[in-house]
Amino acid sequence: ATLGLVGTNIDRLRTPFVKVRAEIDPDSTTAWS
């Protein structure tokens, strides 16, 4: 319910020095995991 209320605004109020990037696909060679 909370997530539905927030909708697409879930990524608002960004944390300084932390940015969004595309999550690495399992076949990628760059994600540490």
PDB file of all heavy atoms in Angstrom:
ATOM      1  N   ALA A   1       0.833  -1.202   0.000  1.00  0.00           N
ATOM      2  CA  ALA A   1       0.000   0.000   0.000  1.00  0.00           C
ATOM      3  C   ALA A   1       0.867   1.251   0.000  1.00  0.00           C
ATOM      4  O   ALA A   1       0.588   2.221  -0.724  1.00  0.00           O
ATOM      5  CB  ALA A   1      -0.922  -0.007   1.223  1.00  0.00           C
ATOM      6  N   THR A   2       1.927   1.229   0.804  1.00  0.00           N
ATOM      7  CA  THR A   2       2.843   2.379   0.850  1.00  0.00           C
ATOM      8  C   THR A   2       3.519   2.586  -0.495  1.00  0.00           C
ATOM      9  O   THR A   2       3.638   3.717  -0.985  1.00  0.00           O
ATOM     10  CB  THR A   2       3.897   2.163   1.945  1.00  0.00           C
ATOM     11  OG1 THR A   2       3.240   1.898   3.188  1.00  0.00           O
ATOM     12  CG2 THR A   2       4.777   3.386   2.092  1.00  0.00           C
ATOM     13  N   LEU A   3       3.943   1.493  -1.112  1.00  0.00           N
ATOM     14  CA  LEU A   3       4.595   1.595  -2.420  1.00  0.00           C
ATOM     15  C   LEU A   3       3.622   2.088  -3.478  1.00  0.00           C
ATOM     16  O   LEU A   3       3.994   2.874  -4.368  1.00  0.00           O
ATOM     17  CB  LEU A   3       5.179   0.233  -2.818  1.00  0.00           C
ATOM     18  CG  LEU A   3       6.297  -0.309  -1.927  1.00  0.00           C
ATOM     19  CD1 LEU A   3       6.728  -1.693  -2.396  1.00  0.00           C
ATOM     20  CD2 LEU A   3       7.493   0.640  -1.910  1.00  0.00           C
ATOM     21  N   GLY A   4       2.380   1.644  -3.399  1.00  0.00           N
ATOM     22  CA  GLY A   4       1.384   2.132  -4.347  1.00  0.00           C
ATOM     23  C   GLY A   4       1.102   3.606  -4.160  1.00  0.00           C
ATOM     24  O   GLY A   4       0.891   4.346  -5.130  1.00  0.00           O
ATOM     25  N   LEU A   5       1.093   4.061  -2.909  1.00  0.00           N
ATOM     26  CA  LEU A   5       0.856   5.475  -2.627  1.00  0.00           C
ATOM     27  C   LEU A   5       1.992   6.336  -3.158  1.00  0.00           C
ATOM     28  O   LEU A   5       1.776   7.428  -3.701  1.00  0.00           O
ATOM     29  CB  LEU A   5       0.707   5.667  -1.113  1.00  0.00           C
ATOM     30  CG  LEU A   5       0.231   7.028  -0.623  1.00  0.00           C
ATOM     31  CD1 LEU A   5      -1.197   7.296  -1.103  1.00  0.00           C
ATOM     32  CD2 LEU A   5       0.282   7.085   0.901  1.00  0.00           C
ATOM     33  N   VAL A   6       3.212   5.822  -3.022  1.00  0.00           N
ATOM     34  CA  VAL A   6       4.390   6.567  -3.487  1.00  0.00           C
ATOM     35  C   VAL A   6       4.463   6.559  -5.012  1.00  0.00           C
ATOM     36  O   VAL A   6       4.860   7.551  -5.640  1.00  0.00           O
ATOM     37  CB  VAL A   6       5.669   5.960  -2.876  1.00  0.00           C
ATOM     38  CG1 VAL A   6       6.913   6.583  -3.500  1.00  0.00           C
ATOM     39  CG2 VAL A   6       5.678   6.161  -1.366  1.00  0.00           C
ATOM     40  N   GLY A   7       4.083   5.445  -5.623  1.00  0.00           N
ATOM     41  CA  GLY A   7       4.105   5.336  -7.081  1.00  0.00           C
ATOM     42  C   GLY A   7       5.498   5.424  -7.654  1.00  0.00           C
ATOM     43  O   GLY A   7       6.438   4.811  -7.160  1.00  0.00           O
ATOM     44  N   THR A   8       5.630   6.242  -8.691  1.00  0.00           N
ATOM     45  CA  THR A   8       6.928   6.390  -9.352  1.00  0.00           C
ATOM     46  C   THR A   8       7.840   7.370  -8.631  1.00  0.00           C
ATOM     47  O   THR A   8       8.961   7.618  -9.086  1.00  0.00           O
ATOM     48  CB  THR A   8       6.725   6.864 -10.802  1.00  0.00           C
ATOM     49  OG1 THR A   8       5.985   8.096 -10.784  1.00  0.00           O
ATOM     50  CG2 THR A   8       5.978   5.830 -11.613  1.00  0.00           C
ATOM     51  N   ASN A   9       7.376   7.921  -7.512  1.00  0.00           N
ATOM     52  CA  ASN A   9       8.204   8.876  -6.757  1.00  0.00           C
ATOM     53  C   ASN A   9       9.130   8.193  -5.763  1.00  0.00           C
ATOM     54  O   ASN A   9       9.731   8.859  -4.923  1.00  0.00           O
ATOM     55  CB  ASN A   9       7.300   9.853  -5.990  1.00  0.00           C
ATOM     56  CG  ASN A   9       6.480  10.723  -6.911  1.00  0.00           C
ATOM     57  OD1 ASN A   9       6.988  11.222  -7.911  1.00  0.00           O
ATOM     58  ND2 ASN A   9       5.205  10.888  -6.587  1.00  0.00           N
ATOM     59  N   ILE A  10       9.245   6.887  -5.857  1.00  0.00           N
ATOM     60  CA  ILE A  10      10.040   6.168  -4.870  1.00  0.00           C
ATOM     61  C   ILE A  10      11.504   6.570  -4.900  1.00  0.00           C
ATOM     62  O   ILE A  10      12.230   6.438  -3.914  1.00  0.00           O
ATOM     63  CB  ILE A  10       9.897   4.639  -5.086  1.00  0.00           C
ATOM     64  CG1 ILE A  10      10.483   3.885  -3.892  1.00  0.00           C
ATOM     65  CG2 ILE A  10      10.546   4.207  -6.398  1.00  0.00           C
ATOM     66  CD1 ILE A  10      10.155   2.416  -3.891  1.00  0.00           C
ATOM     67  N   ASP A  11      11.967   7.102  -6.051  1.00  0.00           N
ATOM     68  CA  ASP A  11      13.371   7.498  -6.152  1.00  0.00           C
ATOM     69  C   ASP A  11      13.578   8.991  -5.951  1.00  0.00           C
ATOM     70  O   ASP A  11      14.658   9.524  -6.256  1.00  0.00           O
ATOM     71  CB  ASP A  11      13.947   7.079  -7.516  1.00  0.00           C
ATOM     72  CG  ASP A  11      14.067   5.573  -7.639  1.00  0.00           C
ATOM     73  OD1 ASP A  11      14.266   4.926  -6.596  1.00  0.00           O
ATOM     74  OD2 ASP A  11      13.957   5.039  -8.764  1.00  0.00           O
ATOM     75  N   ARG A  12      12.553   9.675  -5.426  1.00  0.00           N
ATOM     76  CA  ARG A  12      12.710  11.089  -5.118  1.00  0.00           C
ATOM     77  C   ARG A  12      13.563  11.266  -3.866  1.00  0.00           C
ATOM     78  O   ARG A  12      13.791  10.341  -3.104  1.00  0.00           O
ATOM     79  CB  ARG A  12      11.347  11.736  -4.909  1.00  0.00           C
ATOM     80  CG  ARG A  12      10.485  11.784  -6.158  1.00  0.00           C
ATOM     81  CD  ARG A  12      10.991  12.844  -7.132  1.00  0.00           C
ATOM     82  NE  ARG A  12      10.159  12.932  -8.329  1.00  0.00           N
ATOM     83  CZ  ARG A  12       9.107  13.725  -8.434  1.00  0.00           C
ATOM     84  NH1 ARG A  12       8.743  14.466  -7.408  1.00  0.00           N
ATOM     85  NH2 ARG A  12       8.417  13.764  -9.557  1.00  0.00           N
ATOM     86  N   LEU A  13      13.993  12.495  -3.623  1.00  0.00           N
ATOM     87  CA  LEU A  13      14.845  12.819  -2.467  1.00  0.00           C
ATOM     88  C   LEU A  13      16.084  11.944  -2.463  1.00  0.00           C
ATOM     89  O   LEU A  13      16.354  11.171  -1.546  1.00  0.00           O
ATOM     90  CB  LEU A  13      14.062  12.658  -1.158  1.00  0.00           C
ATOM     91  CG  LEU A  13      12.805  13.511  -1.001  1.00  0.00           C
ATOM     92  CD1 LEU A  13      12.134  13.224   0.328  1.00  0.00           C
ATOM     93  CD2 LEU A  13      13.139  14.993  -1.109  1.00  0.00           C
ATOM     94  N   ARG A  14      16.876  12.110  -3.528  1.00  0.00           N
ATOM     95  CA  ARG A  14      18.063  11.280  -3.690  1.00  0.00           C
ATOM     96  C   ARG A  14      19.091  11.539  -2.600  1.00  0.00           C
ATOM     97  O   ARG A  14      19.219  12.637  -2.079  1.00  0.00           O
ATOM     98  CB  ARG A  14      18.706  11.555  -5.054  1.00  0.00           C
ATOM     99  CG  ARG A  14      17.792  11.313  -6.237  1.00  0.00           C
ATOM    100  CD  ARG A  14      17.779   9.845  -6.646  1.00  0.00           C
ATOM    101  NE  ARG A  14      16.879   9.611  -7.750  1.00  0.00           N
ATOM    102  CZ  ARG A  14      17.211   9.773  -9.027  1.00  0.00           C
ATOM    103  NH1 ARG A  14      18.409  10.206  -9.338  1.00  0.00           N
ATOM    104  NH2 ARG A  14      16.332   9.512  -9.968  1.00  0.00           N
ATOM    105  N   THR A  15      19.828  10.487  -2.274  1.00  0.00           N
ATOM    106  CA  THR A  15      20.912  10.604  -1.302  1.00  0.00           C
ATOM    107  C   THR A  15      22.132  11.196  -1.981  1.00  0.00           C
ATOM    108  O   THR A  15      22.537  10.731  -3.053  1.00  0.00           O
ATOM    109  CB  THR A  15      21.276   9.213  -0.748  1.00  0.00           C
ATOM    110  OG1 THR A  15      20.100   8.604  -0.237  1.00  0.00           O
ATOM    111  CG2 THR A  15      22.312   9.334   0.360  1.00  0.00           C
ATOM    112  N   PRO A  16      22.749  12.231  -1.378  1.00  0.00           N
ATOM    113  CA  PRO A  16      23.954  12.809  -1.984  1.00  0.00           C
ATOM    114  C   PRO A  16      25.050  11.759  -2.140  1.00  0.00           C
ATOM    115  O   PRO A  16      25.196  10.867  -1.298  1.00  0.00           O
ATOM    116  CB  PRO A  16      24.370  13.892  -0.977  1.00  0.00           C
ATOM    117  CG  PRO A  16      23.129  14.203  -0.208  1.00  0.00           C
ATOM    118  CD  PRO A  16      22.348  12.932  -0.155  1.00  0.00           C
ATOM    119  N   PHE A  17      25.814  11.864  -3.207  1.00  0.00           N
ATOM    120  CA  PHE A  17      26.954  10.997  -3.484  1.00  0.00           C
ATOM    121  C   PHE A  17      26.553   9.557  -3.815  1.00  0.00           C
ATOM    122  O   PHE A  17      27.390   8.675  -3.892  1.00  0.00           O
ATOM    123  CB  PHE A  17      27.956  10.976  -2.317  1.00  0.00           C
ATOM    124  CG  PHE A  17      28.355  12.336  -1.853  1.00  0.00           C
ATOM    125  CD1 PHE A  17      27.978  12.799  -0.602  1.00  0.00           C
ATOM    126  CD2 PHE A  17      29.098  13.173  -2.676  1.00  0.00           C
ATOM    127  CE1 PHE A  17      28.337  14.060  -0.170  1.00  0.00           C
ATOM    128  CE2 PHE A  17      29.464  14.436  -2.251  1.00  0.00           C
ATOM    129  CZ  PHE A  17      29.084  14.890  -0.997  1.00  0.00           C
ATOM    130  N   VAL A  18      25.249   9.305  -3.983  1.00  0.00           N
ATOM    131  CA  VAL A  18      24.795   7.990  -4.409  1.00  0.00           C
ATOM    132  C   VAL A  18      23.935   8.196  -5.646  1.00  0.00           C
ATOM    133  O   VAL A  18      22.992   8.970  -5.616  1.00  0.00           O
ATOM    134  CB  VAL A  18      23.973   7.282  -3.310  1.00  0.00           C
ATOM    135  CG1 VAL A  18      23.476   5.933  -3.813  1.00  0.00           C
ATOM    136  CG2 VAL A  18      24.809   7.104  -2.057  1.00  0.00           C
ATOM    137  N   LYS A  19      24.274   7.517  -6.710  1.00  0.00           N
ATOM    138  CA  LYS A  19      23.542   7.732  -7.953  1.00  0.00           C
ATOM    139  C   LYS A  19      22.986   6.415  -8.478  1.00  0.00           C
ATOM    140  O   LYS A  19      23.436   5.331  -8.138  1.00  0.00           O
ATOM    141  CB  LYS A  19      24.447   8.349  -9.020  1.00  0.00           C
ATOM    142  CG  LYS A  19      25.566   7.428  -9.477  1.00  0.00           C
ATOM    143  CD  LYS A  19      26.374   8.078 -10.586  1.00  0.00           C
ATOM    144  CE  LYS A  19      27.458   7.114 -11.112  1.00  0.00           C
ATOM    145  NZ  LYS A  19      28.239   7.714 -12.197  1.00  0.00           N
ATOM    146  N   VAL A  20      21.964   6.553  -9.350  1.00  0.00           N
ATOM    147  CA  VAL A  20      21.343   5.376  -9.955  1.00  0.00           C
ATOM    148  C   VAL A  20      22.111   5.009 -11.203  1.00  0.00           C
ATOM    149  O   VAL A  20      22.526   5.844 -11.971  1.00  0.00           O
ATOM    150  CB  VAL A  20      19.874   5.679 -10.328  1.00  0.00           C
ATOM    151  CG1 VAL A  20      19.259   4.473 -11.026  1.00  0.00           C
ATOM    152  CG2 VAL A  20      19.078   6.039  -9.112  1.00  0.00           C
ATOM    153  N   ARG A  21      22.275   3.692 -11.360  1.00  0.00           N
ATOM    154  CA  ARG A  21      22.741   3.182 -12.643  1.00  0.00           C
ATOM    155  C   ARG A  21      21.971   1.898 -12.915  1.00  0.00           C
ATOM    156  O   ARG A  21      21.293   1.379 -12.034  1.00  0.00           O
ATOM    157  CB  ARG A  21      24.245   2.895 -12.629  1.00  0.00           C
ATOM    158  CG  ARG A  21      24.619   1.758 -11.691  1.00  0.00           C
ATOM    159  CD  ARG A  21      26.108   1.439 -11.811  1.00  0.00           C
ATOM    160  NE  ARG A  21      26.498   0.396 -10.892  1.00  0.00           N
ATOM    161  CZ  ARG A  21      26.383  -0.885 -11.115  1.00  0.00           C
ATOM    162  NH1 ARG A  21      25.857  -1.290 -12.250  1.00  0.00           N
ATOM    163  NH2 ARG A  21      26.761  -1.777 -10.214  1.00  0.00           N
ATOM    164  N   ALA A  22      22.067   1.408 -14.067  1.00  0.00           N
ATOM    165  CA  ALA A  22      21.373   0.160 -14.372  1.00  0.00           C
ATOM    166  C   ALA A  22      22.003  -0.977 -13.596  1.00  0.00           C
ATOM    167  O   ALA A  22      23.216  -1.128 -13.577  1.00  0.00           O
ATOM    168  CB  ALA A  22      21.453  -0.125 -15.876  1.00  0.00           C
ATOM    169  N   GLU A  23      21.152  -1.797 -12.967  1.00  0.00           N
ATOM    170  CA  GLU A  23      21.695  -2.940 -12.226  1.00  0.00           C
ATOM    171  C   GLU A  23      22.336  -3.904 -13.201  1.00  0.00           C
ATOM    172  O   GLU A  23      21.832  -4.158 -14.281  1.00  0.00           O
ATOM    173  CB  GLU A  23      20.595  -3.648 -11.444  1.00  0.00           C
ATOM    174  CG  GLU A  23      21.147  -4.796 -10.618  1.00  0.00           C
ATOM    175  CD  GLU A  23      20.052  -5.461  -9.826  1.00  0.00           C
ATOM    176  OE1 GLU A  23      19.003  -4.839  -9.627  1.00  0.00           O
ATOM    177  OE2 GLU A  23      20.258  -6.600  -9.413  1.00  0.00           O
ATOM    178  N   ILE A  24      23.446  -4.448 -12.813  1.00  0.00           N
ATOM    179  CA  ILE A  24      24.181  -5.323 -13.713  1.00  0.00           C
ATOM    180  C   ILE A  24      23.409  -6.612 -13.951  1.00  0.00           C
ATOM    181  O   ILE A  24      22.917  -7.248 -13.044  1.00  0.00           O
ATOM    182  CB  ILE A  24      25.567  -5.639 -13.118  1.00  0.00           C
ATOM    183  CG1 ILE A  24      26.336  -4.336 -12.902  1.00  0.00           C
ATOM    184  CG2 ILE A  24      26.354  -6.579 -14.006  1.00  0.00           C
ATOM    185  CD1 ILE A  24      26.527  -3.525 -14.138  1.00  0.00           C
ATOM    186  N   ASP A  25      23.320  -6.993 -15.229  1.00  0.00           N
ATOM    187  CA  ASP A  25      22.677  -8.242 -15.590  1.00  0.00           C
ATOM    188  C   ASP A  25      23.524  -9.411 -15.093  1.00  0.00           C
ATOM    189  O   ASP A  25      24.747  -9.290 -14.993  1.00  0.00           O
ATOM    190  CB  ASP A  25      22.533  -8.308 -17.114  1.00  0.00           C
ATOM    191  CG  ASP A  25      21.774  -9.532 -17.573  1.00  0.00           C
ATOM    192  OD1 ASP A  25      20.547  -9.531 -17.451  1.00  0.00           O
ATOM    193  OD2 ASP A  25      22.438 -10.483 -18.045  1.00  0.00           O
ATOM    194  N   PRO A  26      22.940 -10.539 -14.764  1.00  0.00           N
ATOM    195  CA  PRO A  26      23.719 -11.670 -14.307  1.00  0.00           C
ATOM    196  C   PRO A  26      24.834 -12.078 -15.253  1.00  0.00           C
ATOM    197  O   PRO A  26      25.815 -12.677 -14.815  1.00  0.00           O
ATOM    198  CB  PRO A  26      22.671 -12.786 -14.169  1.00  0.00           C
ATOM    199  CG  PRO A  26      21.398 -12.063 -13.885  1.00  0.00           C
ATOM    200  CD  PRO A  26      21.484 -10.786 -14.655  1.00  0.00           C
ATOM    201  N   ASP A  27      24.678 -11.798 -16.539  1.00  0.00           N
ATOM    202  CA  ASP A  27      25.736 -12.148 -17.483  1.00  0.00           C
ATOM    203  C   ASP A  27      26.801 -11.068 -17.596  1.00  0.00           C
ATOM    204  O   ASP A  27      27.776 -11.223 -18.327  1.00  0.00           O
ATOM    205  CB  ASP A  27      25.130 -12.407 -18.866  1.00  0.00           C
ATOM    206  CG  ASP A  27      24.208 -13.619 -18.856  1.00  0.00           C
ATOM    207  OD1 ASP A  27      24.511 -14.568 -18.108  1.00  0.00           O
ATOM    208  OD2 ASP A  27      23.199 -13.602 -19.586  1.00  0.00           O
ATOM    209  N   SER A  28      26.632  -9.963 -16.891  1.00  0.00           N
ATOM    210  CA  SER A  28      27.588  -8.868 -16.972  1.00  0.00           C
ATOM    211  C   SER A  28      28.899  -9.257 -16.298  1.00  0.00           C
ATOM    212  O   SER A  28      28.962 -10.150 -15.465  1.00  0.00           O
ATOM    213  CB  SER A  28      27.009  -7.624 -16.303  1.00  0.00           C
ATOM    214  OG  SER A  28      27.987  -6.634 -16.179  1.00  0.00           O
ATOM    215  N   THR A  29      29.947  -8.550 -16.625  1.00  0.00           N
ATOM    216  CA  THR A  29      31.263  -8.811 -16.019  1.00  0.00           C
ATOM    217  C   THR A  29      31.670  -7.704 -15.065  1.00  0.00           C
ATOM    218  O   THR A  29      32.786  -7.719 -14.564  1.00  0.00           O
ATOM    219  CB  THR A  29      32.335  -8.940 -17.125  1.00  0.00           C
ATOM    220  OG1 THR A  29      32.370  -7.714 -17.874  1.00  0.00           O
ATOM    221  CG2 THR A  29      32.029 -10.109 -18.044  1.00  0.00           C
ATOM    222  N   THR A  30      30.788  -6.761 -14.798  1.00  0.00           N
ATOM    223  CA  THR A  30      31.193  -5.603 -13.993  1.00  0.00           C
ATOM    224  C   THR A  30      30.624  -5.583 -12.588  1.00  0.00           C
ATOM    225  O   THR A  30      31.171  -4.916 -11.720  1.00  0.00           O
ATOM    226  CB  THR A  30      30.783  -4.303 -14.711  1.00  0.00           C
ATOM    227  OG1 THR A  30      29.375  -4.342 -14.950  1.00  0.00           O
ATOM    228  CG2 THR A  30      31.534  -4.163 -16.021  1.00  0.00           C
ATOM    229  N   ALA A  31      29.517  -6.286 -12.302  1.00  0.00           N
ATOM    230  CA  ALA A  31      28.962  -6.291 -10.951  1.00  0.00           C
ATOM    231  C   ALA A  31      29.831  -7.165 -10.058  1.00  0.00           C
ATOM    232  O   ALA A  31      30.189  -8.292 -10.421  1.00  0.00           O
ATOM    233  CB  ALA A  31      27.532  -6.814 -10.972  1.00  0.00           C
ATOM    234  N   TRP A  32      30.164  -6.670  -8.862  1.00  0.00           N
ATOM    235  CA  TRP A  32      31.041  -7.441  -7.980  1.00  0.00           C
ATOM    236  C   TRP A  32      30.427  -8.783  -7.621  1.00  0.00           C
ATOM    237  O   TRP A  32      31.133  -9.809  -7.554  1.00  0.00           O
ATOM    238  CB  TRP A  32      31.366  -6.654  -6.720  1.00  0.00           C
ATOM    239  CG  TRP A  32      30.201  -6.516  -5.747  1.00  0.00           C
ATOM    240  CD1 TRP A  32      29.297  -5.511  -5.665  1.00  0.00           C
ATOM    241  CD2 TRP A  32      29.837  -7.477  -4.739  1.00  0.00           C
ATOM    242  NE1 TRP A  32      28.382  -5.770  -4.675  1.00  0.00           N
ATOM    243  CE2 TRP A  32      28.692  -6.959  -4.078  1.00  0.00           C
ATOM    244  CE3 TRP A  32      30.355  -8.701  -4.324  1.00  0.00           C
ATOM    245  CZ2 TRP A  32      28.061  -7.634  -3.035  1.00  0.00           C
ATOM    246  CZ3 TRP A  32      29.735  -9.373  -3.285  1.00  0.00           C
ATOM    247  CH2 TRP A  32      28.605  -8.843  -2.642  1.00  0.00           C
ATOM    248  N   SER A  33      29.103  -8.790  -7.396  1.00  0.00           N
ATOM    249  CA  SER A  33      28.459 -10.039  -7.009  1.00  0.00           C
ATOM    250  C   SER A  33      28.468 -11.046  -8.151  1.00  0.00           C
ATOM    251  O   SER A  33      28.674 -12.251  -7.935  1.00  0.00           O
ATOM    252  CB  SER A  33      27.027  -9.772  -6.552  1.00  0.00           C
ATOM    253  OG  SER A  33      26.311  -9.071  -7.549  1.00  0.00           O
TER     254      SER A  33
END
